[in-house]
């Protein structure tokens, strides 16, 4: 399954917004098989803040662990945010 983050907007900011996106995506996540890879595609995302990413990506990684793959992360905002989350 591929999650196109731009569906949530091109400017992904604030903890409440990230939490809302995570909760809204729960029905879709429930359909992922136990063997399926989860690809998070950052194409079209202009701004990603650590607070939004923590609310969406952290629980996604906790749920699917090594099956999560991040694609198109070459945006400076995305790179910086992922580096911050990696330290935590």
PDB file of N, CA and C in Angstrom:
ATOM      1  N   UNK A   1       0.840  -1.182   0.000  1.00  0.00           N
ATOM      2  CA  UNK A   1       0.000   0.000   0.000  1.00  0.00           C
ATOM      3  C   UNK A   1       0.879   1.237   0.000  1.00  0.00           C
ATOM      4  N   UNK A   2       0.475   2.224  -0.768  1.00  0.00           N
ATOM      5  CA  UNK A   2       1.183   3.499  -0.799  1.00  0.00           C
ATOM      6  C   UNK A   2       0.298   4.579  -0.196  1.00  0.00           C
ATOM      7  N   UNK A   3       0.861   5.311   0.737  1.00  0.00           N
ATOM      8  CA  UNK A   3       0.169   6.442   1.360  1.00  0.00           C
ATOM      9  C   UNK A   3       0.736   7.711   0.732  1.00  0.00           C
ATOM     10  N   UNK A   4      -0.088   8.408  -0.010  1.00  0.00           N
ATOM     11  CA  UNK A   4       0.296   9.674  -0.623  1.00  0.00           C
ATOM     12  C   UNK A   4       0.007  10.781   0.395  1.00  0.00           C
ATOM     13  N   UNK A   5       1.048  11.275   1.063  1.00  0.00           N
ATOM     14  CA  UNK A   5       0.826  12.273   2.108  1.00  0.00           C
ATOM     15  C   UNK A   5       0.236  13.575   1.577  1.00  0.00           C
ATOM     16  N   UNK A   6       0.440  13.871   0.295  1.00  0.00           N
ATOM     17  CA  UNK A   6      -0.120  15.120  -0.242  1.00  0.00           C
ATOM     18  C   UNK A   6      -1.649  15.130  -0.198  1.00  0.00           C
ATOM     19  N   UNK A   7      -2.260  13.963  -0.007  1.00  0.00           N
ATOM     20  CA  UNK A   7      -3.720  13.917   0.147  1.00  0.00           C
ATOM     21  C   UNK A   7      -4.166  14.644   1.415  1.00  0.00           C
ATOM     22  N   UNK A   8      -3.230  14.775   2.358  1.00  0.00           N
ATOM     23  CA  UNK A   8      -3.539  15.497   3.598  1.00  0.00           C
ATOM     24  C   UNK A   8      -3.172  16.975   3.482  1.00  0.00           C
ATOM     25  N   UNK A   9      -2.563  17.349   2.366  1.00  0.00           N
ATOM     26  CA  UNK A   9      -2.156  18.724   2.131  1.00  0.00           C
ATOM     27  C   UNK A   9      -0.686  18.789   1.775  1.00  0.00           C
ATOM     28  N   UNK A  10      -0.268  19.951   1.292  1.00  0.00           N
ATOM     29  CA  UNK A  10       1.143  20.117   0.938  1.00  0.00           C
ATOM     30  C   UNK A  10       1.944  20.730   2.076  1.00  0.00           C
ATOM     31  N   UNK A  11       1.239  21.306   3.041  1.00  0.00           N
ATOM     32  CA  UNK A  11       1.872  21.888   4.218  1.00  0.00           C
ATOM     33  C   UNK A  11       1.336  21.147   5.428  1.00  0.00           C
ATOM     34  N   UNK A  12       2.127  20.216   5.928  1.00  0.00           N
ATOM     35  CA  UNK A  12       1.697  19.341   7.027  1.00  0.00           C
ATOM     36  C   UNK A  12       2.300  19.858   8.328  1.00  0.00           C
ATOM     37  N   UNK A  13       1.482  20.600   9.058  1.00  0.00           N
ATOM     38  CA  UNK A  13       1.942  21.241  10.286  1.00  0.00           C
ATOM     39  C   UNK A  13       0.940  20.994  11.408  1.00  0.00           C
ATOM     40  N   UNK A  14       1.395  21.040  12.586  1.00  0.00           N
ATOM     41  CA  UNK A  14       0.660  20.975  13.849  1.00  0.00           C
ATOM     42  C   UNK A  14       0.347  19.548  14.300  1.00  0.00           C
ATOM     43  N   UNK A  15       0.482  19.374  15.567  1.00  0.00           N
ATOM     44  CA  UNK A  15       0.195  18.081  16.190  1.00  0.00           C
ATOM     45  C   UNK A  15      -1.277  17.688  16.022  1.00  0.00           C
ATOM     46  N   UNK A  16      -2.240  18.599  16.252  1.00  0.00           N
ATOM     47  CA  UNK A  16      -3.656  18.222  16.064  1.00  0.00           C
ATOM     48  C   UNK A  16      -3.969  17.782  14.632  1.00  0.00           C
ATOM     49  N   UNK A  17      -3.369  18.439  13.656  1.00  0.00           N
ATOM     50  CA  UNK A  17      -3.601  18.082  12.262  1.00  0.00           C
ATOM     51  C   UNK A  17      -3.025  16.693  11.947  1.00  0.00           C
ATOM     52  N   UNK A  18      -1.854  16.391  12.467  1.00  0.00           N
ATOM     53  CA  UNK A  18      -1.260  15.072  12.271  1.00  0.00           C
ATOM     54  C   UNK A  18      -2.072  13.976  12.935  1.00  0.00           C
ATOM     55  N   UNK A  19      -2.564  14.260  14.124  1.00  0.00           N
ATOM     56  CA  UNK A  19      -3.400  13.293  14.845  1.00  0.00           C
ATOM     57  C   UNK A  19      -4.701  13.048  14.088  1.00  0.00           C
ATOM     58  N   UNK A  20      -5.281  14.114  13.568  1.00  0.00           N
ATOM     59  CA  UNK A  20      -6.522  13.993  12.792  1.00  0.00           C
ATOM     60  C   UNK A  20      -6.296  13.146  11.538  1.00  0.00           C
ATOM     61  N   UNK A  21      -5.178  13.359  10.859  1.00  0.00           N
ATOM     62  CA  UNK A  21      -4.852  12.571   9.661  1.00  0.00           C
ATOM     63  C   UNK A  21      -4.679  11.103  10.034  1.00  0.00           C
ATOM     64  N   UNK A  22      -3.991  10.835  11.143  1.00  0.00           N
ATOM     65  CA  UNK A  22      -3.785   9.460  11.600  1.00  0.00           C
ATOM     66  C   UNK A  22      -5.119   8.780  11.893  1.00  0.00           C
ATOM     67  N   UNK A  23      -5.983   9.455  12.601  1.00  0.00           N
ATOM     68  CA  UNK A  23      -7.280   8.872  12.952  1.00  0.00           C
ATOM     69  C   UNK A  23      -8.154   8.677  11.715  1.00  0.00           C
ATOM     70  N   UNK A  24      -8.114   9.615  10.793  1.00  0.00           N
ATOM     71  CA  UNK A  24      -8.913   9.500   9.575  1.00  0.00           C
ATOM     72  C   UNK A  24      -8.440   8.342   8.700  1.00  0.00           C
ATOM     73  N   UNK A  25      -7.173   7.989   8.792  1.00  0.00           N
ATOM     74  CA  UNK A  25      -6.608   6.941   7.949  1.00  0.00           C
ATOM     75  C   UNK A  25      -6.758   5.540   8.543  1.00  0.00           C
ATOM     76  N   UNK A  26      -7.263   5.432   9.742  1.00  0.00           N
ATOM     77  CA  UNK A  26      -7.379   4.130  10.410  1.00  0.00           C
ATOM     78  C   UNK A  26      -8.163   3.083   9.619  1.00  0.00           C
ATOM     79  N   UNK A  27      -9.311   3.410   9.018  1.00  0.00           N
ATOM     80  CA  UNK A  27     -10.036   2.381   8.249  1.00  0.00           C
ATOM     81  C   UNK A  27      -9.205   1.792   7.107  1.00  0.00           C
ATOM     82  N   UNK A  28      -8.408   2.616   6.460  1.00  0.00           N
ATOM     83  CA  UNK A  28      -7.559   2.136   5.366  1.00  0.00           C
ATOM     84  C   UNK A  28      -6.449   1.241   5.908  1.00  0.00           C
ATOM     85  N   UNK A  29      -5.851   1.650   7.012  1.00  0.00           N
ATOM     86  CA  UNK A  29      -4.764   0.861   7.600  1.00  0.00           C
ATOM     87  C   UNK A  29      -5.240  -0.511   8.062  1.00  0.00           C
ATOM     88  N   UNK A  30      -6.484  -0.600   8.438  1.00  0.00           N
ATOM     89  CA  UNK A  30      -7.041  -1.873   8.874  1.00  0.00           C
ATOM     90  C   UNK A  30      -7.151  -2.888   7.748  1.00  0.00           C
ATOM     91  N   UNK A  31      -7.044  -2.440   6.510  1.00  0.00           N
ATOM     92  CA  UNK A  31      -7.159  -3.325   5.351  1.00  0.00           C
ATOM     93  C   UNK A  31      -5.806  -3.856   4.876  1.00  0.00           C
ATOM     94  N   UNK A  32      -4.719  -3.432   5.493  1.00  0.00           N
ATOM     95  CA  UNK A  32      -3.382  -3.848   5.066  1.00  0.00           C
ATOM     96  C   UNK A  32      -3.100  -5.250   5.590  1.00  0.00           C
ATOM     97  N   UNK A  33      -2.662  -6.121   4.688  1.00  0.00           N
ATOM     98  CA  UNK A  33      -2.359  -7.496   5.087  1.00  0.00           C
ATOM     99  C   UNK A  33      -1.083  -7.533   5.930  1.00  0.00           C
ATOM    100  N   UNK A  34      -0.872  -8.635   6.613  1.00  0.00           N
ATOM    101  CA  UNK A  34       0.283  -8.763   7.508  1.00  0.00           C
ATOM    102  C   UNK A  34       1.607  -8.847   6.760  1.00  0.00           C
ATOM    103  N   UNK A  35       1.569  -9.079   5.464  1.00  0.00           N
ATOM    104  CA  UNK A  35       2.794  -9.188   4.666  1.00  0.00           C
ATOM    105  C   UNK A  35       3.048  -7.951   3.803  1.00  0.00           C
ATOM    106  N   UNK A  36       2.073  -7.077   3.700  1.00  0.00           N
ATOM    107  CA  UNK A  36       2.145  -5.951   2.771  1.00  0.00           C
ATOM    108  C   UNK A  36       3.079  -4.850   3.265  1.00  0.00           C
ATOM    109  N   UNK A  37       3.858  -4.309   2.340  1.00  0.00           N
ATOM    110  CA  UNK A  37       4.730  -3.184   2.652  1.00  0.00           C
ATOM    111  C   UNK A  37       3.894  -1.898   2.662  1.00  0.00           C
ATOM    112  N   UNK A  38       4.240  -0.983   3.550  1.00  0.00           N
ATOM    113  CA  UNK A  38       3.549   0.301   3.643  1.00  0.00           C
ATOM    114  C   UNK A  38       4.525   1.376   3.177  1.00  0.00           C
ATOM    115  N   UNK A  39       4.226   1.971   2.040  1.00  0.00           N
ATOM    116  CA  UNK A  39       5.094   2.985   1.447  1.00  0.00           C
ATOM    117  C   UNK A  39       4.486   4.353   1.723  1.00  0.00           C
ATOM    118  N   UNK A  40       5.271   5.225   2.326  1.00  0.00           N
ATOM    119  CA  UNK A  40       4.837   6.593   2.581  1.00  0.00           C
ATOM    120  C   UNK A  40       5.520   7.475   1.539  1.00  0.00           C
ATOM    121  N   UNK A  41       4.729   8.072   0.664  1.00  0.00           N
ATOM    122  CA  UNK A  41       5.254   8.876  -0.436  1.00  0.00           C
ATOM    123  C   UNK A  41       5.098  10.358  -0.106  1.00  0.00           C
ATOM    124  N   UNK A  42       6.223  11.063  -0.082  1.00  0.00           N
ATOM    125  CA  UNK A  42       6.242  12.482   0.267  1.00  0.00           C
ATOM    126  C   UNK A  42       6.167  13.399  -0.951  1.00  0.00           C
ATOM    127  N   UNK A  43       5.918  12.849  -2.135  1.00  0.00           N
ATOM    128  CA  UNK A  43       5.805  13.666  -3.343  1.00  0.00           C
ATOM    129  C   UNK A  43       4.732  14.738  -3.147  1.00  0.00           C
ATOM    130  N   UNK A  44       5.089  15.979  -3.449  1.00  0.00           N
ATOM    131  CA  UNK A  44       4.138  17.079  -3.354  1.00  0.00           C
ATOM    132  C   UNK A  44       4.071  17.742  -1.992  1.00  0.00           C
ATOM    133  N   UNK A  45       4.728  17.161  -0.990  1.00  0.00           N
ATOM    134  CA  UNK A  45       4.742  17.770   0.340  1.00  0.00           C
ATOM    135  C   UNK A  45       5.801  18.876   0.338  1.00  0.00           C
ATOM    136  N   UNK A  46       5.387  20.082   0.663  1.00  0.00           N
ATOM    137  CA  UNK A  46       6.305  21.219   0.676  1.00  0.00           C
ATOM    138  C   UNK A  46       6.890  21.416   2.070  1.00  0.00           C
ATOM    139  N   UNK A  47       6.036  21.335   3.090  1.00  0.00           N
ATOM    140  CA  UNK A  47       6.475  21.528   4.470  1.00  0.00           C
ATOM    141  C   UNK A  47       5.968  20.367   5.322  1.00  0.00           C
ATOM    142  N   UNK A  48       6.874  19.796   6.102  1.00  0.00           N
ATOM    143  CA  UNK A  48       6.531  18.752   7.067  1.00  0.00           C
ATOM    144  C   UNK A  48       7.183  19.114   8.389  1.00  0.00           C
ATOM    145  N   UNK A  49       6.361  19.295   9.409  1.00  0.00           N
ATOM    146  CA  UNK A  49       6.918  19.648  10.717  1.00  0.00           C
ATOM    147  C   UNK A  49       7.057  18.402  11.593  1.00  0.00           C
ATOM    148  N   UNK A  50       7.991  18.454  12.533  1.00  0.00           N
ATOM    149  CA  UNK A  50       8.163  17.310  13.436  1.00  0.00           C
ATOM    150  C   UNK A  50       6.898  16.958  14.216  1.00  0.00           C
ATOM    151  N   UNK A  51       6.104  17.946  14.578  1.00  0.00           N
ATOM    152  CA  UNK A  51       4.901  17.655  15.361  1.00  0.00           C
ATOM    153  C   UNK A  51       3.891  16.863  14.532  1.00  0.00           C
ATOM    154  N   UNK A  52       3.658  17.257  13.289  1.00  0.00           N
ATOM    155  CA  UNK A  52       2.733  16.522  12.419  1.00  0.00           C
ATOM    156  C   UNK A  52       3.265  15.117  12.173  1.00  0.00           C
ATOM    157  N   UNK A  53       4.526  15.021  11.813  1.00  0.00           N
ATOM    158  CA  UNK A  53       5.132  13.729  11.508  1.00  0.00           C
ATOM    159  C   UNK A  53       5.110  12.801  12.713  1.00  0.00           C
ATOM    160  N   UNK A  54       5.326  13.342  13.899  1.00  0.00           N
ATOM    161  CA  UNK A  54       5.313  12.516  15.115  1.00  0.00           C
ATOM    162  C   UNK A  54       3.936  11.907  15.348  1.00  0.00           C
ATOM    163  N   UNK A  55       2.904  12.647  15.055  1.00  0.00           N
ATOM    164  CA  UNK A  55       1.537  12.150  15.253  1.00  0.00           C
ATOM    165  C   UNK A  55       1.119  11.129  14.199  1.00  0.00           C
ATOM    166  N   UNK A  56       1.708  11.192  13.019  1.00  0.00           N
ATOM    167  CA  UNK A  56       1.315  10.278  11.942  1.00  0.00           C
ATOM    168  C   UNK A  56       2.350   9.175  11.716  1.00  0.00           C
ATOM    169  N   UNK A  57       3.602   9.545  11.549  1.00  0.00           N
ATOM    170  CA  UNK A  57       4.628   8.562  11.198  1.00  0.00           C
ATOM    171  C   UNK A  57       5.054   7.684  12.367  1.00  0.00           C
ATOM    172  N   UNK A  58       5.111   8.245  13.566  1.00  0.00           N
ATOM    173  CA  UNK A  58       5.541   7.445  14.723  1.00  0.00           C
ATOM    174  C   UNK A  58       4.586   6.284  14.989  1.00  0.00           C
ATOM    175  N   UNK A  59       3.274   6.512  15.085  1.00  0.00           N
ATOM    176  CA  UNK A  59       2.389   5.359  15.291  1.00  0.00           C
ATOM    177  C   UNK A  59       2.348   4.415  14.088  1.00  0.00           C
ATOM    178  N   UNK A  60       2.549   4.961  12.889  1.00  0.00           N
ATOM    179  CA  UNK A  60       2.598   4.106  11.698  1.00  0.00           C
ATOM    180  C   UNK A  60       3.783   3.145  11.800  1.00  0.00           C
ATOM    181  N   UNK A  61       4.922   3.680  12.185  1.00  0.00           N
ATOM    182  CA  UNK A  61       6.115   2.847  12.345  1.00  0.00           C
ATOM    183  C   UNK A  61       5.947   1.853  13.491  1.00  0.00           C
ATOM    184  N   UNK A  62       5.319   2.272  14.571  1.00  0.00           N
ATOM    185  CA  UNK A  62       5.087   1.361  15.699  1.00  0.00           C
ATOM    186  C   UNK A  62       4.182   0.202  15.297  1.00  0.00           C
ATOM    187  N   UNK A  63       3.231   0.470  14.437  1.00  0.00           N
ATOM    188  CA  UNK A  63       2.270  -0.554  14.021  1.00  0.00           C
ATOM    189  C   UNK A  63       2.851  -1.507  12.975  1.00  0.00           C
ATOM    190  N   UNK A  64       3.596  -0.961  12.021  1.00  0.00           N
ATOM    191  CA  UNK A  64       4.058  -1.776  10.892  1.00  0.00           C
ATOM    192  C   UNK A  64       5.566  -2.038  10.891  1.00  0.00           C
ATOM    193  N   UNK A  65       6.287  -1.427  11.799  1.00  0.00           N
ATOM    194  CA  UNK A  65       7.725  -1.641  12.000  1.00  0.00           C
ATOM    195  C   UNK A  65       8.525  -1.588  10.694  1.00  0.00           C
ATOM    196  N   UNK A  66       9.277  -2.645  10.406  1.00  0.00           N
ATOM    197  CA  UNK A  66      10.194  -2.653   9.264  1.00  0.00           C
ATOM    198  C   UNK A  66       9.484  -2.713   7.908  1.00  0.00           C
ATOM    199  N   UNK A  67       8.177  -2.837   7.912  1.00  0.00           N
ATOM    200  CA  UNK A  67       7.428  -2.856   6.647  1.00  0.00           C
ATOM    201  C   UNK A  67       7.171  -1.447   6.113  1.00  0.00           C
ATOM    202  N   UNK A  68       7.529  -0.419   6.880  1.00  0.00           N
ATOM    203  CA  UNK A  68       7.323   0.963   6.436  1.00  0.00           C
ATOM    204  C   UNK A  68       8.535   1.410   5.616  1.00  0.00           C
ATOM    205  N   UNK A  69       8.252   1.961   4.433  1.00  0.00           N
ATOM    206  CA  UNK A  69       9.303   2.506   3.574  1.00  0.00           C
ATOM    207  C   UNK A  69       8.929   3.939   3.218  1.00  0.00           C
ATOM    208  N   UNK A  70       9.881   4.835   3.300  1.00  0.00           N
ATOM    209  CA  UNK A  70       9.659   6.245   2.996  1.00  0.00           C
ATOM    210  C   UNK A  70      10.229   6.550   1.618  1.00  0.00           C
ATOM    211  N   UNK A  71       9.415   7.125   0.741  1.00  0.00           N
ATOM    212  CA  UNK A  71       9.828   7.455  -0.625  1.00  0.00           C
ATOM    213  C   UNK A  71       9.738   8.954  -0.870  1.00  0.00           C
ATOM    214  N   UNK A  72      10.590   9.415  -1.771  1.00  0.00           N
ATOM    215  CA  UNK A  72      10.601  10.823  -2.200  1.00  0.00           C
ATOM    216  C   UNK A  72      10.780  11.771  -1.015  1.00  0.00           C
ATOM    217  N   UNK A  73      11.837  11.526  -0.274  1.00  0.00           N
ATOM    218  CA  UNK A  73      12.119  12.311   0.936  1.00  0.00           C
ATOM    219  C   UNK A  73      13.182  13.378   0.684  1.00  0.00           C
ATOM    220  N   UNK A  74      13.435  13.732  -0.573  1.00  0.00           N
ATOM    221  CA  UNK A  74      14.522  14.643  -0.900  1.00  0.00           C
ATOM    222  C   UNK A  74      14.192  16.117  -0.700  1.00  0.00           C
ATOM    223  N   UNK A  75      13.067  16.438  -0.123  1.00  0.00           N
ATOM    224  CA  UNK A  75      12.699  17.810   0.231  1.00  0.00           C
ATOM    225  C   UNK A  75      13.433  18.177   1.525  1.00  0.00           C
ATOM    226  N   UNK A  76      14.068  19.369   1.613  1.00  0.00           N
ATOM    227  CA  UNK A  76      14.804  19.744   2.822  1.00  0.00           C
ATOM    228  C   UNK A  76      13.952  19.729   4.098  1.00  0.00           C
ATOM    229  N   UNK A  77      12.695  20.130   3.990  1.00  0.00           N
ATOM    230  CA  UNK A  77      11.811  20.131   5.158  1.00  0.00           C
ATOM    231  C   UNK A  77      11.556  18.702   5.634  1.00  0.00           C
ATOM    232  N   UNK A  78      11.319  17.813   4.694  1.00  0.00           N
ATOM    233  CA  UNK A  78      11.078  16.400   5.029  1.00  0.00           C
ATOM    234  C   UNK A  78      12.339  15.780   5.607  1.00  0.00           C
ATOM    235  N   UNK A  79      13.482  16.034   4.983  1.00  0.00           N
ATOM    236  CA  UNK A  79      14.750  15.477   5.472  1.00  0.00           C
ATOM    237  C   UNK A  79      15.039  15.918   6.896  1.00  0.00           C
ATOM    238  N   UNK A  80      14.862  17.210   7.174  1.00  0.00           N
ATOM    239  CA  UNK A  80      15.142  17.741   8.510  1.00  0.00           C
ATOM    240  C   UNK A  80      14.205  17.135   9.553  1.00  0.00           C
ATOM    241  N   UNK A  81      12.937  17.027   9.205  1.00  0.00           N
ATOM    242  CA  UNK A  81      11.960  16.458  10.135  1.00  0.00           C
ATOM    243  C   UNK A  81      12.257  14.993  10.418  1.00  0.00           C
ATOM    244  N   UNK A  82      12.584  14.223   9.397  1.00  0.00           N
ATOM    245  CA  UNK A  82      12.887  12.813   9.595  1.00  0.00           C
ATOM    246  C   UNK A  82      14.151  12.640  10.444  1.00  0.00           C
ATOM    247  N   UNK A  83      15.115  13.533  10.271  1.00  0.00           N
ATOM    248  CA  UNK A  83      16.330  13.476  11.096  1.00  0.00           C
ATOM    249  C   UNK A  83      15.993  13.735  12.562  1.00  0.00           C
ATOM    250  N   UNK A  84      15.102  14.656  12.821  1.00  0.00           N
ATOM    251  CA  UNK A  84      14.688  14.951  14.198  1.00  0.00           C
ATOM    252  C   UNK A  84      13.962  13.749  14.799  1.00  0.00           C
ATOM    253  N   UNK A  85      13.059  13.151  14.046  1.00  0.00           N
ATOM    254  CA  UNK A  85      12.316  11.997  14.553  1.00  0.00           C
ATOM    255  C   UNK A  85      13.235  10.807  14.799  1.00  0.00           C
ATOM    256  N   UNK A  86      14.234  10.650  13.960  1.00  0.00           N
ATOM    257  CA  UNK A  86      15.158   9.532  14.101  1.00  0.00           C
ATOM    258  C   UNK A  86      15.937   9.619  15.422  1.00  0.00           C
ATOM    259  N   UNK A  87      16.236  10.852  15.858  1.00  0.00           N
ATOM    260  CA  UNK A  87      16.968  11.057  17.112  1.00  0.00           C
ATOM    261  C   UNK A  87      16.148  10.681  18.330  1.00  0.00           C
ATOM    262  N   UNK A  88      14.832  10.759  18.202  1.00  0.00           N
ATOM    263  CA  UNK A  88      13.956  10.537  19.352  1.00  0.00           C
ATOM    264  C   UNK A  88      13.809   9.088  19.654  1.00  0.00           C
TER     265      UNK A  88
END
